[in-house]
Amino acid sequence: TCTGTVTVKTLTAVAASAAHAAKAKKPKKAILTLATASFSITAGKLKVLSLHLSAKAKKLLAKTHTLRARVTIVAHDPQGGSHTTTAIVTLRAAKKKKH
């Protein structure tokens, strides 16, 4: 069995809060954590994880429509070894259905 975590963060620093932008001339930018999840998987099996975006991530994606993000997967095997994998992805807001 392998256990670990998946973390999705913005690729670049972003100003996540519109309210904060109104208070300051230059909003403070930071790397924003968009989603996290933990997993446990049996050797030789595949698993699908559902990641839920944070409230700030949802607002930012609604405002920008696309976000470049870095996905980091840290897995630990039973012998105590640790394996890290990263990938760069693009998140796109779902198109709204027209009524």
PDB file of N, CA and C in Angstrom:
ATOM      1  N   THR A   1       0.836  -1.185   0.000  1.00  0.00           N
ATOM      2  CA  THR A   1       0.000   0.000   0.000  1.00  0.00           C
ATOM      3  C   THR A   1       0.878   1.245   0.000  1.00  0.00           C
ATOM      4  N   CYS A   2       0.501   2.199  -0.805  1.00  0.00           N
ATOM      5  CA  CYS A   2       1.217   3.469  -0.918  1.00  0.00           C
ATOM      6  C   CYS A   2       0.284   4.575  -0.433  1.00  0.00           C
ATOM      7  N   THR A   3       0.777   5.463   0.397  1.00  0.00           N
ATOM      8  CA  THR A   3      -0.020   6.586   0.880  1.00  0.00           C
ATOM      9  C   THR A   3       0.679   7.881   0.510  1.00  0.00           C
ATOM     10  N   GLY A   4      -0.088   8.962   0.458  1.00  0.00           N
ATOM     11  CA  GLY A   4       0.534  10.238   0.143  1.00  0.00           C
ATOM     12  C   GLY A   4      -0.471  11.358   0.024  1.00  0.00           C
ATOM     13  N   THR A   5       0.010  12.460  -0.528  1.00  0.00           N
ATOM     14  CA  THR A   5      -0.829  13.646  -0.697  1.00  0.00           C
ATOM     15  C   THR A   5      -0.661  14.221  -2.100  1.00  0.00           C
ATOM     16  N   VAL A   6      -1.703  14.900  -2.545  1.00  0.00           N
ATOM     17  CA  VAL A   6      -1.689  15.646  -3.800  1.00  0.00           C
ATOM     18  C   VAL A   6      -1.964  17.099  -3.444  1.00  0.00           C
ATOM     19  N   THR A   7      -1.120  17.999  -3.923  1.00  0.00           N
ATOM     20  CA  THR A   7      -1.296  19.431  -3.665  1.00  0.00           C
ATOM     21  C   THR A   7      -1.279  20.175  -4.993  1.00  0.00           C
ATOM     22  N   VAL A   8      -2.247  21.068  -5.166  1.00  0.00           N
ATOM     23  CA  VAL A   8      -2.319  21.889  -6.373  1.00  0.00           C
ATOM     24  C   VAL A   8      -2.151  23.343  -5.948  1.00  0.00           C
ATOM     25  N   LYS A   9      -1.101  23.993  -6.482  1.00  0.00           N
ATOM     26  CA  LYS A   9      -0.817  25.396  -6.160  1.00  0.00           C
ATOM     27  C   LYS A   9      -0.665  26.186  -7.455  1.00  0.00           C
ATOM     28  N   THR A  10      -0.915  27.487  -7.383  1.00  0.00           N
ATOM     29  CA  THR A  10      -0.728  28.322  -8.560  1.00  0.00           C
ATOM     30  C   THR A  10       0.731  28.284  -8.984  1.00  0.00           C
ATOM     31  N   LEU A  11       0.949  28.371 -10.282  1.00  0.00           N
ATOM     32  CA  LEU A  11       2.304  28.315 -10.813  1.00  0.00           C
ATOM     33  C   LEU A  11       3.077  29.590 -10.494  1.00  0.00           C
ATOM     34  N   THR A  12       2.388  30.715 -10.517  1.00  0.00           N
ATOM     35  CA  THR A  12       3.002  32.001 -10.200  1.00  0.00           C
ATOM     36  C   THR A  12       2.239  32.661  -9.055  1.00  0.00           C
ATOM     37  N   ALA A  13       2.828  33.664  -8.476  1.00  0.00           N
ATOM     38  CA  ALA A  13       2.171  34.397  -7.400  1.00  0.00           C
ATOM     39  C   ALA A  13       0.985  35.171  -7.964  1.00  0.00           C
ATOM     40  N   VAL A  14      -0.131  35.136  -7.243  1.00  0.00           N
ATOM     41  CA  VAL A  14      -1.353  35.813  -7.681  1.00  0.00           C
ATOM     42  C   VAL A  14      -1.906  36.650  -6.539  1.00  0.00           C
ATOM     43  N   ALA A  15      -2.676  37.655  -6.888  1.00  0.00           N
ATOM     44  CA  ALA A  15      -3.412  38.442  -5.901  1.00  0.00           C
ATOM     45  C   ALA A  15      -4.788  37.801  -5.810  1.00  0.00           C
ATOM     46  N   ALA A  16      -5.050  37.085  -4.733  1.00  0.00           N
ATOM     47  CA  ALA A  16      -6.252  36.255  -4.642  1.00  0.00           C
ATOM     48  C   ALA A  16      -7.483  36.996  -4.148  1.00  0.00           C
ATOM     49  N   SER A  17      -7.333  38.133  -3.521  1.00  0.00           N
ATOM     50  CA  SER A  17      -8.473  38.784  -2.906  1.00  0.00           C
ATOM     51  C   SER A  17      -8.760  40.131  -3.554  1.00  0.00           C
ATOM     52  N   ALA A  18      -9.967  40.300  -4.067  1.00  0.00           N
ATOM     53  CA  ALA A  18     -10.378  41.574  -4.649  1.00  0.00           C
ATOM     54  C   ALA A  18     -10.552  42.621  -3.551  1.00  0.00           C
ATOM     55  N   ALA A  19     -11.026  42.209  -2.380  1.00  0.00           N
ATOM     56  CA  ALA A  19     -11.195  43.126  -1.258  1.00  0.00           C
ATOM     57  C   ALA A  19      -9.850  43.676  -0.819  1.00  0.00           C
ATOM     58  N   HIS A  20      -8.848  42.828  -0.827  1.00  0.00           N
ATOM     59  CA  HIS A  20      -7.514  43.256  -0.450  1.00  0.00           C
ATOM     60  C   HIS A  20      -6.989  44.275  -1.459  1.00  0.00           C
ATOM     61  N   ALA A  21      -7.305  44.111  -2.726  1.00  0.00           N
ATOM     62  CA  ALA A  21      -6.832  45.013  -3.768  1.00  0.00           C
ATOM     63  C   ALA A  21      -7.408  46.423  -3.584  1.00  0.00           C
ATOM     64  N   ALA A  22      -8.620  46.507  -3.063  1.00  0.00           N
ATOM     65  CA  ALA A  22      -9.246  47.811  -2.861  1.00  0.00           C
ATOM     66  C   ALA A  22      -8.582  48.589  -1.720  1.00  0.00           C
ATOM     67  N   LYS A  23      -8.026  47.886  -0.749  1.00  0.00           N
ATOM     68  CA  LYS A  23      -7.419  48.531   0.411  1.00  0.00           C
ATOM     69  C   LYS A  23      -6.004  49.024   0.134  1.00  0.00           C
ATOM     70  N   ALA A  24      -5.285  48.325  -0.704  1.00  0.00           N
ATOM     71  CA  ALA A  24      -3.883  48.669  -0.956  1.00  0.00           C
ATOM     72  C   ALA A  24      -3.694  49.045  -2.419  1.00  0.00           C
ATOM     73  N   LYS A  25      -2.673  49.865  -2.675  1.00  0.00           N
ATOM     74  CA  LYS A  25      -2.394  50.266  -4.049  1.00  0.00           C
ATOM     75  C   LYS A  25      -1.913  49.079  -4.866  1.00  0.00           C
ATOM     76  N   LYS A  26      -1.033  48.279  -4.292  1.00  0.00           N
ATOM     77  CA  LYS A  26      -0.545  47.079  -4.967  1.00  0.00           C
ATOM     78  C   LYS A  26      -0.929  45.874  -4.116  1.00  0.00           C
ATOM     79  N   PRO A  27      -1.825  45.036  -4.630  1.00  0.00           N
ATOM     80  CA  PRO A  27      -2.192  43.868  -3.827  1.00  0.00           C
ATOM     81  C   PRO A  27      -1.011  42.926  -3.651  1.00  0.00           C
ATOM     82  N   LYS A  28      -0.918  42.337  -2.475  1.00  0.00           N
ATOM     83  CA  LYS A  28       0.159  41.403  -2.186  1.00  0.00           C
ATOM     84  C   LYS A  28      -0.087  40.104  -2.954  1.00  0.00           C
ATOM     85  N   LYS A  29       0.936  39.658  -3.651  1.00  0.00           N
ATOM     86  CA  LYS A  29       0.815  38.433  -4.431  1.00  0.00           C
ATOM     87  C   LYS A  29       1.496  37.291  -3.689  1.00  0.00           C
ATOM     88  N   ALA A  30       0.922  36.115  -3.825  1.00  0.00           N
ATOM     89  CA  ALA A  30       1.482  34.930  -3.174  1.00  0.00           C
ATOM     90  C   ALA A  30       1.077  33.682  -3.958  1.00  0.00           C
ATOM     91  N   ILE A  31       1.814  32.613  -3.743  1.00  0.00           N
ATOM     92  CA  ILE A  31       1.443  31.322  -4.316  1.00  0.00           C
ATOM     93  C   ILE A  31       0.231  30.826  -3.529  1.00  0.00           C
ATOM     94  N   LEU A  32      -0.853  30.532  -4.220  1.00  0.00           N
ATOM     95  CA  LEU A  32      -2.105  30.133  -3.575  1.00  0.00           C
ATOM     96  C   LEU A  32      -2.301  28.623  -3.698  1.00  0.00           C
ATOM     97  N   THR A  33      -2.614  27.967  -2.583  1.00  0.00           N
ATOM     98  CA  THR A  33      -2.949  26.547  -2.613  1.00  0.00           C
ATOM     99  C   THR A  33      -4.390  26.435  -3.090  1.00  0.00           C
ATOM    100  N   LEU A  34      -4.589  25.746  -4.216  1.00  0.00           N
ATOM    101  CA  LEU A  34      -5.903  25.626  -4.822  1.00  0.00           C
ATOM    102  C   LEU A  34      -6.681  24.430  -4.282  1.00  0.00           C
ATOM    103  N   ALA A  35      -5.995  23.304  -4.048  1.00  0.00           N
ATOM    104  CA  ALA A  35      -6.657  22.094  -3.563  1.00  0.00           C
ATOM    105  C   ALA A  35      -5.623  21.131  -2.987  1.00  0.00           C
ATOM    106  N   THR A  36      -6.061  20.311  -2.047  1.00  0.00           N
ATOM    107  CA  THR A  36      -5.213  19.250  -1.501  1.00  0.00           C
ATOM    108  C   THR A  36      -6.080  18.017  -1.262  1.00  0.00           C
ATOM    109  N   ALA A  37      -5.440  16.859  -1.287  1.00  0.00           N
ATOM    110  CA  ALA A  37      -6.128  15.601  -0.981  1.00  0.00           C
ATOM    111  C   ALA A  37      -5.085  14.582  -0.558  1.00  0.00           C
ATOM    112  N   SER A  38      -5.514  13.633   0.242  1.00  0.00           N
ATOM    113  CA  SER A  38      -4.626  12.532   0.605  1.00  0.00           C
ATOM    114  C   SER A  38      -5.167  11.261  -0.029  1.00  0.00           C
ATOM    115  N   PHE A  39      -4.298  10.268  -0.179  1.00  0.00           N
ATOM    116  CA  PHE A  39      -4.719   9.028  -0.815  1.00  0.00           C
ATOM    117  C   PHE A  39      -4.003   7.843  -0.202  1.00  0.00           C
ATOM    118  N   SER A  40      -4.583   6.682  -0.421  1.00  0.00           N
ATOM    119  CA  SER A  40      -3.993   5.400  -0.058  1.00  0.00           C
ATOM    120  C   SER A  40      -4.370   4.445  -1.178  1.00  0.00           C
ATOM    121  N   ILE A  41      -3.383   3.801  -1.770  1.00  0.00           N
ATOM    122  CA  ILE A  41      -3.641   2.958  -2.933  1.00  0.00           C
ATOM    123  C   ILE A  41      -2.849   1.663  -2.828  1.00  0.00           C
ATOM    124  N   THR A  42      -3.475   0.574  -3.235  1.00  0.00           N
ATOM    125  CA  THR A  42      -2.833  -0.732  -3.235  1.00  0.00           C
ATOM    126  C   THR A  42      -1.933  -0.848  -4.453  1.00  0.00           C
ATOM    127  N   ALA A  43      -0.826  -1.542  -4.305  1.00  0.00           N
ATOM    128  CA  ALA A  43       0.132  -1.718  -5.405  1.00  0.00           C
ATOM    129  C   ALA A  43      -0.546  -2.323  -6.628  1.00  0.00           C
ATOM    130  N   GLY A  44      -0.232  -1.792  -7.802  1.00  0.00           N
ATOM    131  CA  GLY A  44      -0.754  -2.308  -9.052  1.00  0.00           C
ATOM    132  C   GLY A  44      -2.149  -1.839  -9.396  1.00  0.00           C
ATOM    133  N   LYS A  45      -2.725  -0.964  -8.607  1.00  0.00           N
ATOM    134  CA  LYS A  45      -4.080  -0.470  -8.840  1.00  0.00           C
ATOM    135  C   LYS A  45      -4.044   0.985  -9.273  1.00  0.00           C
ATOM    136  N   LEU A  46      -5.123   1.437  -9.897  1.00  0.00           N
ATOM    137  CA  LEU A  46      -5.315   2.841 -10.254  1.00  0.00           C
ATOM    138  C   LEU A  46      -6.376   3.426  -9.348  1.00  0.00           C
ATOM    139  N   LYS A  47      -6.286   4.715  -9.104  1.00  0.00           N
ATOM    140  CA  LYS A  47      -7.277   5.371  -8.265  1.00  0.00           C
ATOM    141  C   LYS A  47      -7.555   6.755  -8.820  1.00  0.00           C
ATOM    142  N   VAL A  48      -8.814   7.150  -8.823  1.00  0.00           N
ATOM    143  CA  VAL A  48      -9.217   8.486  -9.249  1.00  0.00           C
ATOM    144  C   VAL A  48      -9.483   9.303  -7.988  1.00  0.00           C
ATOM    145  N   LEU A  49      -8.877  10.481  -7.915  1.00  0.00           N
ATOM    146  CA  LEU A  49      -9.087  11.378  -6.779  1.00  0.00           C
ATOM    147  C   LEU A  49      -9.922  12.565  -7.226  1.00  0.00           C
ATOM    148  N   SER A  50     -10.873  12.950  -6.403  1.00  0.00           N
ATOM    149  CA  SER A  50     -11.633  14.174  -6.647  1.00  0.00           C
ATOM    150  C   SER A  50     -11.039  15.261  -5.772  1.00  0.00           C
ATOM    151  N   LEU A  51     -10.604  16.327  -6.399  1.00  0.00           N
ATOM    152  CA  LEU A  51     -10.038  17.456  -5.657  1.00  0.00           C
ATOM    153  C   LEU A  51     -11.069  18.570  -5.641  1.00  0.00           C
ATOM    154  N   HIS A  52     -11.235  19.194  -4.492  1.00  0.00           N
ATOM    155  CA  HIS A  52     -12.197  20.272  -4.339  1.00  0.00           C
ATOM    156  C   HIS A  52     -11.437  21.587  -4.179  1.00  0.00           C
ATOM    157  N   LEU A  53     -11.732  22.544  -5.055  1.00  0.00           N
ATOM    158  CA  LEU A  53     -11.063  23.840  -5.003  1.00  0.00           C
ATOM    159  C   LEU A  53     -11.477  24.611  -3.760  1.00  0.00           C
ATOM    160  N   SER A  54     -10.532  25.346  -3.196  1.00  0.00           N
ATOM    161  CA  SER A  54     -10.826  26.210  -2.055  1.00  0.00           C
ATOM    162  C   SER A  54     -11.691  27.380  -2.530  1.00  0.00           C
ATOM    163  N   ALA A  55     -12.287  28.093  -1.596  1.00  0.00           N
ATOM    164  CA  ALA A  55     -13.149  29.227  -1.935  1.00  0.00           C
ATOM    165  C   ALA A  55     -12.364  30.302  -2.695  1.00  0.00           C
ATOM    166  N   LYS A  56     -11.152  30.599  -2.245  1.00  0.00           N
ATOM    167  CA  LYS A  56     -10.326  31.595  -2.940  1.00  0.00           C
ATOM    168  C   LYS A  56      -9.990  31.122  -4.348  1.00  0.00           C
ATOM    169  N   ALA A  57      -9.726  29.836  -4.493  1.00  0.00           N
ATOM    170  CA  ALA A  57      -9.409  29.285  -5.809  1.00  0.00           C
ATOM    171  C   ALA A  57     -10.598  29.412  -6.754  1.00  0.00           C
ATOM    172  N   LYS A  58     -11.800  29.142  -6.258  1.00  0.00           N
ATOM    173  CA  LYS A  58     -13.007  29.255  -7.079  1.00  0.00           C
ATOM    174  C   LYS A  58     -13.210  30.692  -7.545  1.00  0.00           C
ATOM    175  N   LYS A  59     -13.027  31.652  -6.628  1.00  0.00           N
ATOM    176  CA  LYS A  59     -13.188  33.068  -6.986  1.00  0.00           C
ATOM    177  C   LYS A  59     -12.153  33.489  -8.025  1.00  0.00           C
ATOM    178  N   LEU A  60     -10.915  33.063  -7.828  1.00  0.00           N
ATOM    179  CA  LEU A  60      -9.849  33.417  -8.755  1.00  0.00           C
ATOM    180  C   LEU A  60     -10.095  32.809 -10.133  1.00  0.00           C
ATOM    181  N   LEU A  61     -10.509  31.568 -10.190  1.00  0.00           N
ATOM    182  CA  LEU A  61     -10.785  30.906 -11.464  1.00  0.00           C
ATOM    183  C   LEU A  61     -11.975  31.550 -12.168  1.00  0.00           C
ATOM    184  N   ALA A  62     -12.989  31.957 -11.411  1.00  0.00           N
ATOM    185  CA  ALA A  62     -14.141  32.634 -12.002  1.00  0.00           C
ATOM    186  C   ALA A  62     -13.730  33.978 -12.616  1.00  0.00           C
ATOM    187  N   LYS A  63     -12.776  34.639 -11.974  1.00  0.00           N
ATOM    188  CA  LYS A  63     -12.319  35.949 -12.435  1.00  0.00           C
ATOM    189  C   LYS A  63     -11.387  35.836 -13.639  1.00  0.00           C
ATOM    190  N   THR A  64     -10.477  34.874 -13.622  1.00  0.00           N
ATOM    191  CA  THR A  64      -9.460  34.784 -14.671  1.00  0.00           C
ATOM    192  C   THR A  64      -9.797  33.783 -15.778  1.00  0.00           C
ATOM    193  N   HIS A  65     -10.712  32.850 -15.512  1.00  0.00           N
ATOM    194  CA  HIS A  65     -11.161  31.801 -16.448  1.00  0.00           C
ATOM    195  C   HIS A  65     -10.135  30.698 -16.680  1.00  0.00           C
ATOM    196  N   THR A  66      -8.846  30.963 -16.548  1.00  0.00           N
ATOM    197  CA  THR A  66      -7.824  29.920 -16.645  1.00  0.00           C
ATOM    198  C   THR A  66      -6.764  30.158 -15.583  1.00  0.00           C
ATOM    199  N   LEU A  67      -6.224  29.071 -15.072  1.00  0.00           N
ATOM    200  CA  LEU A  67      -5.150  29.148 -14.083  1.00  0.00           C
ATOM    201  C   LEU A  67      -4.089  28.117 -14.415  1.00  0.00           C
ATOM    202  N   ARG A  68      -2.843  28.515 -14.412  1.00  0.00           N
ATOM    203  CA  ARG A  68      -1.735  27.576 -14.550  1.00  0.00           C
ATOM    204  C   ARG A  68      -1.370  27.151 -13.135  1.00  0.00           C
ATOM    205  N   ALA A  69      -1.200  25.866 -12.951  1.00  0.00           N
ATOM    206  CA  ALA A  69      -0.950  25.347 -11.606  1.00  0.00           C
ATOM    207  C   ALA A  69       0.098  24.243 -11.637  1.00  0.00           C
ATOM    208  N   ARG A  70       0.714  24.031 -10.485  1.00  0.00           N
ATOM    209  CA  ARG A  70       1.682  22.951 -10.312  1.00  0.00           C
ATOM    210  C   ARG A  70       1.043  21.912  -9.388  1.00  0.00           C
ATOM    211  N   VAL A  71       0.996  20.678  -9.862  1.00  0.00           N
ATOM    212  CA  VAL A  71       0.475  19.563  -9.076  1.00  0.00           C
ATOM    213  C   VAL A  71       1.674  18.811  -8.513  1.00  0.00           C
ATOM    214  N   THR A  72       1.697  18.629  -7.201  1.00  0.00           N
ATOM    215  CA  THR A  72       2.775  17.895  -6.543  1.00  0.00           C
ATOM    216  C   THR A  72       2.177  16.679  -5.855  1.00  0.00           C
ATOM    217  N   ILE A  73       2.710  15.506  -6.197  1.00  0.00           N
ATOM    218  CA  ILE A  73       2.270  14.263  -5.580  1.00  0.00           C
ATOM    219  C   ILE A  73       3.439  13.724  -4.765  1.00  0.00           C
ATOM    220  N   VAL A  74       3.215  13.558  -3.471  1.00  0.00           N
ATOM    221  CA  VAL A  74       4.229  12.996  -2.579  1.00  0.00           C
ATOM    222  C   VAL A  74       3.685  11.666  -2.075  1.00  0.00           C
ATOM    223  N   ALA A  75       4.373  10.589  -2.412  1.00  0.00           N
ATOM    224  CA  ALA A  75       3.931   9.247  -2.029  1.00  0.00           C
ATOM    225  C   ALA A  75       4.960   8.597  -1.112  1.00  0.00           C
ATOM    226  N   HIS A  76       4.465   7.804  -0.161  1.00  0.00           N
ATOM    227  CA  HIS A  76       5.319   7.093   0.789  1.00  0.00           C
ATOM    228  C   HIS A  76       5.017   5.606   0.682  1.00  0.00           C
ATOM    229  N   ASP A  77       6.057   4.793   0.488  1.00  0.00           N
ATOM    230  CA  ASP A  77       5.850   3.351   0.418  1.00  0.00           C
ATOM    231  C   ASP A  77       6.036   2.739   1.809  1.00  0.00           C
ATOM    232  N   PRO A  78       5.623   1.470   1.984  1.00  0.00           N
ATOM    233  CA  PRO A  78       5.701   0.834   3.313  1.00  0.00           C
ATOM    234  C   PRO A  78       7.122   0.724   3.869  1.00  0.00           C
ATOM    235  N   GLN A  79       8.138   0.719   2.997  1.00  0.00           N
ATOM    236  CA  GLN A  79       9.513   0.611   3.470  1.00  0.00           C
ATOM    237  C   GLN A  79      10.071   1.949   3.965  1.00  0.00           C
ATOM    238  N   GLY A  80       9.271   3.018   3.850  1.00  0.00           N
ATOM    239  CA  GLY A  80       9.708   4.325   4.325  1.00  0.00           C
ATOM    240  C   GLY A  80      10.261   5.226   3.237  1.00  0.00           C
ATOM    241  N   GLY A  81      10.283   4.748   2.000  1.00  0.00           N
ATOM    242  CA  GLY A  81      10.760   5.575   0.894  1.00  0.00           C
ATOM    243  C   GLY A  81       9.743   6.634   0.515  1.00  0.00           C
ATOM    244  N   SER A  82      10.234   7.737   0.032  1.00  0.00           N
ATOM    245  CA  SER A  82       9.368   8.835  -0.387  1.00  0.00           C
ATOM    246  C   SER A  82       9.624   9.143  -1.855  1.00  0.00           C
ATOM    247  N   HIS A  83       8.557   9.367  -2.604  1.00  0.00           N
ATOM    248  CA  HIS A  83       8.654   9.662  -4.027  1.00  0.00           C
ATOM    249  C   HIS A  83       7.833  10.908  -4.321  1.00  0.00           C
ATOM    250  N   THR A  84       8.421  11.861  -5.031  1.00  0.00           N
ATOM    251  CA  THR A  84       7.736  13.104  -5.362  1.00  0.00           C
ATOM    252  C   THR A  84       7.670  13.266  -6.870  1.00  0.00           C
ATOM    253  N   THR A  85       6.482  13.622  -7.356  1.00  0.00           N
ATOM    254  CA  THR A  85       6.272  13.877  -8.773  1.00  0.00           C
ATOM    255  C   THR A  85       5.570  15.213  -8.909  1.00  0.00           C
ATOM    256  N   THR A  86       5.993  16.015  -9.892  1.00  0.00           N
ATOM    257  CA  THR A  86       5.319  17.291 -10.157  1.00  0.00           C
ATOM    258  C   THR A  86       4.902  17.358 -11.617  1.00  0.00           C
ATOM    259  N   ALA A  87       3.847  18.121 -11.864  1.00  0.00           N
ATOM    260  CA  ALA A  87       3.373  18.348 -13.228  1.00  0.00           C
ATOM    261  C   ALA A  87       2.747  19.731 -13.274  1.00  0.00           C
ATOM    262  N   ILE A  88       2.804  20.339 -14.432  1.00  0.00           N
ATOM    263  CA  ILE A  88       2.172  21.646 -14.624  1.00  0.00           C
ATOM    264  C   ILE A  88       0.898  21.426 -15.427  1.00  0.00           C
ATOM    265  N   VAL A  89      -0.203  21.989 -14.929  1.00  0.00           N
ATOM    266  CA  VAL A  89      -1.509  21.816 -15.563  1.00  0.00           C
ATOM    267  C   VAL A  89      -2.168  23.173 -15.770  1.00  0.00           C
ATOM    268  N   THR A  90      -3.182  23.192 -16.615  1.00  0.00           N
ATOM    269  CA  THR A  90      -3.992  24.393 -16.811  1.00  0.00           C
ATOM    270  C   THR A  90      -5.409  24.076 -16.388  1.00  0.00           C
ATOM    271  N   LEU A  91      -5.942  24.864 -15.464  1.00  0.00           N
ATOM    272  CA  LEU A  91      -7.340  24.724 -15.024  1.00  0.00           C
ATOM    273  C   LEU A  91      -8.168  25.728 -15.796  1.00  0.00           C
ATOM    274  N   ARG A  92      -9.308  25.285 -16.313  1.00  0.00           N
ATOM    275  CA  ARG A  92     -10.199  26.176 -17.042  1.00  0.00           C
ATOM    276  C   ARG A  92     -11.581  26.143 -16.386  1.00  0.00           C
ATOM    277  N   ALA A  93     -12.189  27.304 -16.275  1.00  0.00           N
ATOM    278  CA  ALA A  93     -13.538  27.379 -15.733  1.00  0.00           C
ATOM    279  C   ALA A  93     -14.491  26.708 -16.711  1.00  0.00           C
ATOM    280  N   ALA A  94     -15.475  26.001 -16.179  1.00  0.00           N
ATOM    281  CA  ALA A  94     -16.467  25.346 -17.022  1.00  0.00           C
ATOM    282  C   ALA A  94     -17.298  26.404 -17.740  1.00  0.00           C
ATOM    283  N   LYS A  95     -17.608  26.116 -18.998  1.00  0.00           N
ATOM    284  CA  LYS A  95     -18.459  27.048 -19.746  1.00  0.00           C
ATOM    285  C   LYS A  95     -19.877  26.955 -19.223  1.00  0.00           C
ATOM    286  N   LYS A  96     -20.500  28.098 -19.054  1.00  0.00           N
ATOM    287  CA  LYS A  96     -21.870  28.125 -18.543  1.00  0.00           C
ATOM    288  C   LYS A  96     -22.824  27.721 -19.673  1.00  0.00           C
ATOM    289  N   LYS A  97     -23.831  26.935 -19.300  1.00  0.00           N
ATOM    290  CA  LYS A  97     -24.822  26.515 -20.282  1.00  0.00           C
ATOM    291  C   LYS A  97     -25.788  27.662 -20.546  1.00  0.00           C
ATOM    292  N   LYS A  98     -26.131  27.833 -21.811  1.00  0.00           N
ATOM    293  CA  LYS A  98     -27.108  28.861 -22.174  1.00  0.00           C
ATOM    294  C   LYS A  98     -28.503  28.261 -22.082  1.00  0.00           C
ATOM    295  N   HIS A  99     -29.428  29.016 -21.529  1.00  0.00           N
ATOM    296  CA  HIS A  99     -30.800  28.524 -21.389  1.00  0.00           C
ATOM    297  C   HIS A  99     -31.642  28.982 -22.530  1.00  0.00           C
TER     298      HIS A  99
END
